[in-house]
C-alpha atoms as a PDB file:
ATOM      1  CA  MET A   1       0.000   0.000   0.000  1.00  0.00           C
ATOM      2  CA  PRO A   2       1.516   3.409  -0.969  1.00  0.00           C
ATOM      3  CA  ASN A   3       2.541   5.586   1.978  1.00  0.00           C
ATOM      4  CA  GLY A   4      -0.013   8.312   1.223  1.00  0.00           C
ATOM      5  CA  LEU A   5      -2.854   5.825   0.998  1.00  0.00           C
ATOM      6  CA  ALA A   6      -1.720   4.095   4.206  1.00  0.00           C
ATOM      7  CA  LEU A   7      -1.687   7.417   6.059  1.00  0.00           C
ATOM      8  CA  HIS A   8      -5.158   8.254   4.760  1.00  0.00           C
ATOM      9  CA  PHE A   9      -6.449   4.839   5.844  1.00  0.00           C
ATOM     10  CA  LYS A  10      -4.925   5.339   9.311  1.00  0.00           C
ATOM     11  CA  LYS A  11      -6.717   8.685   9.696  1.00  0.00           C
ATOM     12  CA  ILE A  12     -10.024   7.073   8.775  1.00  0.00           C
ATOM     13  CA  LEU A  13      -9.388   4.217  11.212  1.00  0.00           C
ATOM     14  CA  ASN A  14      -8.531   6.657  13.999  1.00  0.00           C
ATOM     15  CA  TRP A  15     -11.826   8.440  13.378  1.00  0.00           C
ATOM     16  CA  PHE A  16     -13.760   5.257  14.146  1.00  0.00           C
ATOM     17  CA  ILE A  17     -11.345   3.847  16.746  1.00  0.00           C
ATOM     18  CA  PRO A  18      -9.706   6.815  18.536  1.00  0.00           C
ATOM     19  CA  MET A  19      -6.172   6.408  19.847  1.00  0.00           C
ATOM     20  CA  ARG A  20      -6.059   5.974  23.610  1.00  0.00           C
ATOM     21  CA  CYS A  21      -3.403   6.683  26.217  1.00  0.00           C
ATOM     22  CA  LEU A  22      -1.877   3.534  27.694  1.00  0.00           C
ATOM     23  CA  GLY A  23      -1.891   5.105  31.134  1.00  0.00           C
ATOM     24  CA  CYS A  24      -5.341   6.616  31.580  1.00  0.00           C
ATOM     25  CA  GLY A  25      -7.318   5.547  28.535  1.00  0.00           C
ATOM     26  CA  GLU A  26      -8.019   9.131  27.464  1.00  0.00           C
ATOM     27  CA  MET A  27      -7.526  10.374  23.911  1.00  0.00           C
ATOM     28  CA  ALA A  28      -3.883  10.434  22.818  1.00  0.00           C
ATOM     29  CA  SER A  29      -2.041  11.895  19.835  1.00  0.00           C
ATOM     30  CA  GLU A  30      -0.297   8.587  19.126  1.00  0.00           C
ATOM     31  CA  ASP A  31      -1.403   5.001  19.534  1.00  0.00           C
ATOM     32  CA  HIS A  32       0.347   2.781  22.097  1.00  0.00           C
ATOM     33  CA  GLN A  33       1.815   5.836  23.834  1.00  0.00           C
ATOM     34  CA  LEU A  34       1.054   8.047  26.833  1.00  0.00           C
ATOM     35  CA  CYS A  35      -0.876  11.287  26.802  1.00  0.00           C
ATOM     36  CA  ALA A  36       0.799  14.536  27.851  1.00  0.00           C
ATOM     37  CA  GLU A  37      -0.610  14.392  31.388  1.00  0.00           C
ATOM     38  CA  CYS A  38       0.623  10.834  31.993  1.00  0.00           C
ATOM     39  CA  TRP A  39       4.061  11.747  30.633  1.00  0.00           C
ATOM     40  CA  LYS A  40       4.219  14.588  33.162  1.00  0.00           C
ATOM     41  CA  SER A  41       3.593  12.118  35.999  1.00  0.00           C
ATOM     42  CA  ILE A  42       6.561   9.900  35.074  1.00  0.00           C
ATOM     43  CA  ASN A  43       9.928  10.569  36.742  1.00  0.00           C
ATOM     44  CA  PHE A  44      12.874   8.840  35.110  1.00  0.00           C
ATOM     45  CA  ILE A  45      16.053   8.112  37.051  1.00  0.00           C
ATOM     46  CA  ASN A  46      18.834  10.078  35.399  1.00  0.00           C
ATOM     47  CA  THR A  47      22.429  10.795  36.313  1.00  0.00           C
ATOM     48  CA  PRO A  48      23.892  11.309  38.779  1.00  0.00           C
ATOM     49  CA  TYR A  49      23.162   8.017  40.502  1.00  0.00           C
ATOM     50  CA  CYS A  50      25.156   5.540  42.587  1.00  0.00           C
ATOM     51  CA  LYS A  51      27.303   3.404  40.300  1.00  0.00           C
ATOM     52  CA  VAL A  52      26.525   0.304  42.390  1.00  0.00           C
ATOM     53  CA  CYS A  53      22.863   0.405  43.427  1.00  0.00           C
ATOM     54  CA  GLY A  54      21.585   2.957  40.909  1.00  0.00           C
ATOM     55  CA  TYR A  55      19.965   5.096  43.598  1.00  0.00           C
ATOM     56  CA  PRO A  56      19.717   8.729  42.409  1.00  0.00           C
ATOM     57  CA  HIS A  57      22.170  10.991  44.218  1.00  0.00           C
ATOM     58  CA  THR A  58      21.626  14.233  45.924  1.00  0.00           C
ATOM     59  CA  VAL A  59      25.192  14.054  47.223  1.00  0.00           C
ATOM     60  CA  GLN A  60      28.104  11.969  45.957  1.00  0.00           C
ATOM     61  CA  THR A  61      29.813  10.685  49.053  1.00  0.00           C
ATOM     62  CA  ASN A  62      33.243   9.651  47.746  1.00  0.00           C
ATOM     63  CA  SER A  63      35.454   9.481  44.675  1.00  0.00           C
ATOM     64  CA  GLU A  64      33.794   6.218  43.558  1.00  0.00           C
ATOM     65  CA  GLU A  65      30.407   7.931  43.415  1.00  0.00           C
ATOM     66  CA  LEU A  66      28.771   5.572  45.902  1.00  0.00           C
ATOM     67  CA  CYS A  67      25.770   6.534  47.973  1.00  0.00           C
ATOM     68  CA  ASP A  68      25.660   6.367  51.774  1.00  0.00           C
ATOM     69  CA  PHE A  69      23.458   3.273  51.606  1.00  0.00           C
ATOM     70  CA  CYS A  70      26.182   1.278  49.828  1.00  0.00           C
ATOM     71  CA  GLY A  71      28.591   2.342  52.543  1.00  0.00           C
ATOM     72  CA  TYR A  72      26.870   0.519  55.400  1.00  0.00           C
ATOM     73  CA  GLU A  73      24.406  -2.015  53.917  1.00  0.00           C
ATOM     74  CA  GLU A  74      25.395  -5.437  52.611  1.00  0.00           C
ATOM     75  CA  ILE A  75      24.884  -5.345  48.840  1.00  0.00           C
ATOM     76  CA  LEU A  76      24.481  -8.791  47.278  1.00  0.00           C
ATOM     77  CA  TYR A  77      24.247  -7.675  43.653  1.00  0.00           C
ATOM     78  CA  GLU A  78      27.125  -6.446  41.536  1.00  0.00           C
ATOM     79  CA  SER A  79      25.115  -3.460  40.320  1.00  0.00           C
ATOM     80  CA  ALA A  80      21.490  -2.354  39.948  1.00  0.00           C
ATOM     81  CA  ARG A  81      19.615   0.021  37.677  1.00  0.00           C
ATOM     82  CA  SER A  82      15.998   1.185  37.444  1.00  0.00           C
ATOM     83  CA  ALA A  83      14.199   3.228  34.823  1.00  0.00           C
ATOM     84  CA  LEU A  84      11.693   5.106  36.989  1.00  0.00           C
ATOM     85  CA  ILE A  85      11.176   6.438  40.473  1.00  0.00           C
ATOM     86  CA  TYR A  86       8.332   4.445  42.013  1.00  0.00           C
ATOM     87  CA  ASP A  87       5.990   7.306  42.798  1.00  0.00           C
ATOM     88  CA  GLU A  88       2.271   7.702  42.149  1.00  0.00           C
ATOM     89  CA  GLY A  89       2.743   8.156  38.416  1.00  0.00           C
ATOM     90  CA  ALA A  90       4.814   5.005  37.961  1.00  0.00           C
ATOM     91  CA  LYS A  91       2.665   3.038  40.397  1.00  0.00           C
ATOM     92  CA  LYS A  92      -0.482   3.798  38.418  1.00  0.00           C
ATOM     93  CA  LEU A  93       1.052   2.450  35.209  1.00  0.00           C
ATOM     94  CA  ILE A  94       2.689  -0.623  36.749  1.00  0.00           C
ATOM     95  CA  LEU A  95      -0.464  -1.682  38.581  1.00  0.00           C
ATOM     96  CA  ARG A  96      -2.341  -1.524  35.283  1.00  0.00           C
ATOM     97  CA  LEU A  97       0.072  -4.110  33.933  1.00  0.00           C
ATOM     98  CA  LYS A  98       0.156  -6.305  37.032  1.00  0.00           C
ATOM     99  CA  TYR A  99      -3.511  -6.456  37.947  1.00  0.00           C
ATOM    100  CA  ALA A 100      -5.587  -5.034  35.091  1.00  0.00           C
ATOM    101  CA  ASP A 101      -4.302  -7.053  32.122  1.00  0.00           C
ATOM    102  CA  HIS A 102      -2.898  -3.993  30.350  1.00  0.00           C
ATOM    103  CA  THR A 103      -0.136  -5.953  28.611  1.00  0.00           C
ATOM    104  CA  SER A 104      -0.166  -3.274  25.904  1.00  0.00           C
ATOM    105  CA  LEU A 105       2.168  -1.383  28.267  1.00  0.00           C
ATOM    106  CA  VAL A 106       4.916  -3.992  27.864  1.00  0.00           C
ATOM    107  CA  PRO A 107       6.563  -2.540  24.706  1.00  0.00           C
ATOM    108  CA  ILE A 108       6.997   0.945  26.175  1.00  0.00           C
ATOM    109  CA  PHE A 109       8.148  -0.459  29.542  1.00  0.00           C
ATOM    110  CA  ALA A 110      10.611  -2.763  27.775  1.00  0.00           C
ATOM    111  CA  ARG A 111      12.081   0.165  25.868  1.00  0.00           C
ATOM    112  CA  TRP A 112      12.615   2.071  29.114  1.00  0.00           C
ATOM    113  CA  LEU A 113      14.296  -0.989  30.648  1.00  0.00           C
ATOM    114  CA  VAL A 114      16.654  -1.429  27.701  1.00  0.00           C
ATOM    115  CA  ASN A 115      17.685   2.220  28.003  1.00  0.00           C
ATOM    116  CA  ALA A 116      18.154   2.020  31.785  1.00  0.00           C
ATOM    117  CA  GLY A 117      20.189  -1.188  31.666  1.00  0.00           C
ATOM    118  CA  GLN A 118      22.756  -0.233  29.044  1.00  0.00           C
ATOM    119  CA  ASP A 119      25.732  -0.573  31.389  1.00  0.00           C
ATOM    120  CA  LEU A 120      24.529  -3.932  32.761  1.00  0.00           C
ATOM    121  CA  PHE A 121      24.321  -5.929  29.547  1.00  0.00           C
ATOM    122  CA  GLU A 122      28.000  -6.175  28.640  1.00  0.00           C
ATOM    123  CA  ASP A 123      29.439  -9.634  29.430  1.00  0.00           C
ATOM    124  CA  ALA A 124      26.160 -10.790  31.000  1.00  0.00           C
ATOM    125  CA  ASP A 125      25.021 -14.315  30.124  1.00  0.00           C
ATOM    126  CA  TYR A 126      21.326 -14.540  30.994  1.00  0.00           C
ATOM    127  CA  LEU A 127      18.223 -12.441  31.666  1.00  0.00           C
ATOM    128  CA  VAL A 128      16.202 -14.061  34.468  1.00  0.00           C
ATOM    129  CA  PRO A 129      12.797 -12.693  35.540  1.00  0.00           C
ATOM    130  CA  VAL A 130      11.803 -12.832  39.208  1.00  0.00           C
ATOM    131  CA  PRO A 131       9.267 -15.694  39.187  1.00  0.00           C
ATOM    132  CA  LEU A 132       5.743 -15.881  40.563  1.00  0.00           C
ATOM    133  CA  HIS A 133       4.463 -18.800  42.621  1.00  0.00           C
ATOM    134  CA  TRP A 134       2.427 -21.113  40.410  1.00  0.00           C
ATOM    135  CA  THR A 135      -0.802 -20.273  42.250  1.00  0.00           C
ATOM    136  CA  ARG A 136      -0.360 -16.557  41.608  1.00  0.00           C
ATOM    137  CA  LEU A 137       0.647 -17.232  38.021  1.00  0.00           C
ATOM    138  CA  LEU A 138      -2.534 -19.257  37.555  1.00  0.00           C
ATOM    139  CA  GLN A 139      -4.591 -16.417  39.000  1.00  0.00           C
ATOM    140  CA  ARG A 140      -2.873 -13.613  37.061  1.00  0.00           C
ATOM    141  CA  ARG A 141      -2.256 -15.704  33.893  1.00  0.00           C
ATOM    142  CA  TYR A 142       1.142 -14.131  33.247  1.00  0.00           C
ATOM    143  CA  ASN A 143       4.302 -13.070  35.051  1.00  0.00           C
ATOM    144  CA  GLN A 144       4.797  -9.364  34.404  1.00  0.00           C
ATOM    145  CA  ALA A 145       8.579  -9.648  34.899  1.00  0.00           C
ATOM    146  CA  ALA A 146       8.765 -12.386  32.255  1.00  0.00           C
ATOM    147  CA  LEU A 147       6.698 -10.283  29.832  1.00  0.00           C
ATOM    148  CA  LEU A 148       9.119  -7.405  30.334  1.00  0.00           C
ATOM    149  CA  VAL A 149      12.119  -9.599  29.483  1.00  0.00           C
ATOM    150  CA  VAL A 150      10.410 -10.961  26.365  1.00  0.00           C
ATOM    151  CA  GLY A 151       9.600  -7.373  25.365  1.00  0.00           C
ATOM    152  CA  MET A 152      13.224  -6.366  25.846  1.00  0.00           C
ATOM    153  CA  LYS A 153      14.424  -9.201  23.636  1.00  0.00           C
ATOM    154  CA  LYS A 154      12.032  -8.125  20.871  1.00  0.00           C
ATOM    155  CA  ILE A 155      13.477  -4.612  20.953  1.00  0.00           C
ATOM    156  CA  ALA A 156      17.113  -5.719  21.264  1.00  0.00           C
ATOM    157  CA  PRO A 157      17.630  -9.359  20.181  1.00  0.00           C
ATOM    158  CA  SER A 158      21.349  -9.131  20.970  1.00  0.00           C
ATOM    159  CA  LEU A 159      20.664  -8.888  24.714  1.00  0.00           C
ATOM    160  CA  PRO A 160      21.651 -11.859  26.916  1.00  0.00           C
ATOM    161  CA  LYS A 161      19.570 -15.037  26.627  1.00  0.00           C
ATOM    162  CA  TYR A 162      16.138 -15.194  28.227  1.00  0.00           C
ATOM    163  CA  ALA A 163      16.387 -17.925  30.876  1.00  0.00           C
ATOM    164  CA  PRO A 164      13.317 -18.192  33.143  1.00  0.00           C
ATOM    165  CA  GLN A 165      14.083 -21.844  33.927  1.00  0.00           C
ATOM    166  CA  PHE A 166      16.925 -21.030  36.310  1.00  0.00           C
ATOM    167  CA  LEU A 167      14.753 -19.678  39.118  1.00  0.00           C
ATOM    168  CA  ARG A 168      11.473 -20.890  40.622  1.00  0.00           C
ATOM    169  CA  ARG A 169       9.346 -19.557  43.456  1.00  0.00           C
ATOM    170  CA  ILE A 170       8.425 -22.546  45.616  1.00  0.00           C
ATOM    171  CA  LYS A 171       6.886 -20.719  48.572  1.00  0.00           C
ATOM    172  CA  LYS A 172       3.600 -18.843  48.347  1.00  0.00           C
ATOM    173  CA  THR A 173       4.601 -15.580  49.986  1.00  0.00           C
ATOM    174  CA  GLN A 174       2.329 -12.842  51.262  1.00  0.00           C
ATOM    175  CA  SER A 175       2.345  -9.315  49.920  1.00  0.00           C
ATOM    176  CA  GLN A 176       5.379  -7.363  51.149  1.00  0.00           C
ATOM    177  CA  GLY A 177       3.599  -3.999  51.070  1.00  0.00           C
ATOM    178  CA  GLN A 178       2.578  -3.564  54.715  1.00  0.00           C
ATOM    179  CA  LYS A 179       5.455  -5.483  56.343  1.00  0.00           C
ATOM    180  CA  ASN A 180       8.506  -4.072  58.105  1.00  0.00           C
ATOM    181  CA  LYS A 181      12.015  -5.071  57.022  1.00  0.00           C
ATOM    182  CA  LYS A 182      12.296  -8.031  59.422  1.00  0.00           C
ATOM    183  CA  GLU A 183       8.893  -9.368  58.363  1.00  0.00           C
ATOM    184  CA  ARG A 184       9.780  -8.989  54.695  1.00  0.00           C
ATOM    185  CA  ILE A 185      12.977 -10.991  55.121  1.00  0.00           C
ATOM    186  CA  GLU A 186      11.108 -13.769  56.934  1.00  0.00           C
ATOM    187  CA  ASN A 187       8.321 -13.735  54.346  1.00  0.00           C
ATOM    188  CA  VAL A 188      10.612 -14.519  51.387  1.00  0.00           C
ATOM    189  CA  GLN A 189      13.131 -16.705  53.210  1.00  0.00           C
ATOM    190  CA  ASN A 190      13.681 -19.940  51.257  1.00  0.00           C
ATOM    191  CA  ALA A 191      11.010 -18.871  48.767  1.00  0.00           C
ATOM    192  CA  PHE A 192      13.136 -19.537  45.668  1.00  0.00           C
ATOM    193  CA  TYR A 193      14.773 -22.597  44.178  1.00  0.00           C
ATOM    194  CA  SER A 194      17.208 -23.404  41.384  1.00  0.00           C
ATOM    195  CA  SER A 195      17.351 -27.012  40.260  1.00  0.00           C
ATOM    196  CA  PRO A 196      20.712 -28.817  40.598  1.00  0.00           C
ATOM    197  CA  ARG A 197      20.413 -29.780  36.935  1.00  0.00           C
ATOM    198  CA  HIS A 198      21.087 -26.129  36.055  1.00  0.00           C
ATOM    199  CA  LYS A 199      24.248 -25.881  38.151  1.00  0.00           C
ATOM    200  CA  GLN A 200      26.618 -26.529  35.267  1.00  0.00           C
ATOM    201  CA  ALA A 201      24.867 -24.012  33.003  1.00  0.00           C
ATOM    202  CA  LEU A 202      25.015 -21.374  35.754  1.00  0.00           C
ATOM    203  CA  GLN A 203      28.601 -22.003  36.831  1.00  0.00           C
ATOM    204  CA  ASP A 204      30.583 -18.741  36.841  1.00  0.00           C
ATOM    205  CA  LYS A 205      27.891 -16.954  34.825  1.00  0.00           C
ATOM    206  CA  THR A 206      26.637 -13.378  35.180  1.00  0.00           C
ATOM    207  CA  ILE A 207      22.878 -13.044  35.559  1.00  0.00           C
ATOM    208  CA  ILE A 208      20.688  -9.977  35.083  1.00  0.00           C
ATOM    209  CA  LEU A 209      17.690 -10.362  37.388  1.00  0.00           C
ATOM    210  CA  VAL A 210      14.650  -8.469  36.076  1.00  0.00           C
ATOM    211  CA  ASP A 211      11.574  -7.337  38.011  1.00  0.00           C
ATOM    212  CA  ASP A 212       8.952  -4.604  37.875  1.00  0.00           C
ATOM    213  CA  VAL A 213       9.685  -2.831  41.186  1.00  0.00           C
ATOM    214  CA  MET A 214      12.557  -2.803  43.676  1.00  0.00           C
ATOM    215  CA  ALA A 215      11.424  -1.659  47.123  1.00  0.00           C
ATOM    216  CA  SER A 216      13.311  -2.872  50.202  1.00  0.00           C
ATOM    217  CA  GLY A 217      15.294  -5.345  48.112  1.00  0.00           C
ATOM    218  CA  THR A 218      14.469  -8.373  50.284  1.00  0.00           C
ATOM    219  CA  THR A 219      12.891 -10.350  47.427  1.00  0.00           C
ATOM    220  CA  ILE A 220      15.784  -9.459  45.129  1.00  0.00           C
ATOM    221  CA  ASN A 221      18.316 -10.511  47.771  1.00  0.00           C
ATOM    222  CA  GLU A 222      16.650 -13.885  48.281  1.00  0.00           C
ATOM    223  CA  CYS A 223      16.727 -14.502  44.527  1.00  0.00           C
ATOM    224  CA  ILE A 224      20.406 -13.563  44.432  1.00  0.00           C
ATOM    225  CA  LYS A 225      21.281 -15.942  47.273  1.00  0.00           C
ATOM    226  CA  THR A 226      19.572 -18.770  45.408  1.00  0.00           C
ATOM    227  CA  LEU A 227      21.373 -18.016  42.140  1.00  0.00           C
ATOM    228  CA  VAL A 228      24.777 -17.643  43.795  1.00  0.00           C
ATOM    229  CA  ASP A 229      24.279 -20.923  45.666  1.00  0.00           C
ATOM    230  CA  ALA A 230      23.506 -22.475  42.277  1.00  0.00           C
ATOM    231  CA  GLY A 231      26.894 -21.374  40.952  1.00  0.00           C
ATOM    232  CA  CYS A 232      26.456 -17.862  39.503  1.00  0.00           C
ATOM    233  CA  LYS A 233      29.458 -15.589  39.648  1.00  0.00           C
ATOM    234  CA  ASN A 234      27.609 -12.254  39.609  1.00  0.00           C
ATOM    235  CA  VAL A 235      24.024 -11.019  39.684  1.00  0.00           C
ATOM    236  CA  ARG A 236      23.009  -7.620  38.376  1.00  0.00           C
ATOM    237  CA  VAL A 237      19.532  -6.185  38.917  1.00  0.00           C
ATOM    238  CA  LEU A 238      17.321  -4.328  36.463  1.00  0.00           C
ATOM    239  CA  THR A 239      13.882  -3.101  37.507  1.00  0.00           C
ATOM    240  CA  LEU A 240      11.327  -0.901  35.865  1.00  0.00           C
ATOM    241  CA  ALA A 241      10.900   1.237  38.988  1.00  0.00           C
ATOM    242  CA  ARG A 242      12.685   1.901  42.250  1.00  0.00           C
ATOM    243  CA  SER A 243      11.141   2.949  45.533  1.00  0.00           C
ATOM    244  CA  LEU A 244      13.056   5.799  47.147  1.00  0.00           C
ATOM    245  CA  LEU A 245      11.286   5.646  50.505  1.00  0.00           C
ATOM    246  CA  GLU A 246      12.689   2.187  51.242  1.00  0.00           C
ATOM    247  CA  HIS A 247      16.287   3.094  50.581  1.00  0.00           C
ATOM    248  CA  TYR A 248      17.360   4.964  53.711  1.00  0.00           C
END
């Protein structure tokens, strides 16, 4: 179809089926995008940020550009990056994906993740999504972290291999939202499992662990312990959003 005719057909189609914002469902200027108001509500994490945990700086505390948190907390990952600050704007969008079946958000989220994780991908071997327990997967019908990884691979096929088989959630955990740090640690303790048959494949490998949100980091840490016990050399973390309130 000639370009002019295709454009004319698209205008006619948009007349009958108006383009909608992925965030709020209101009219949008482009399909599969956000409207101006939803864009305003999104806060991306930009430099400067801690070179280890990816937390946005207000003050750089030493010559290595580490934040205060990395100075006194045990960090199990090699490095971590997130695309967005987990505030009300990001929360609204992510909850639409997690609980309202708005999988149409995956392509735009995946693009943000690819951009945020640029310095994690080099020399990494596998992309591993944080898994759901099978009962929650049955209820939700998809794992949002897995969808994000698949979306990333579609955008950038040269990224490390998608490897969901290396990590399973074997304990049905409760929601972490209203728990304190001690309760969160206990809630996810021994929640994950990596089969011994994967030990050779994981030996001395670098994993990028992918999830939608990083809050206190207790779930991430439990995943990392499981992967390291299975033979991984390093684990890096890439999340769509990062909670700032949990960090200090």
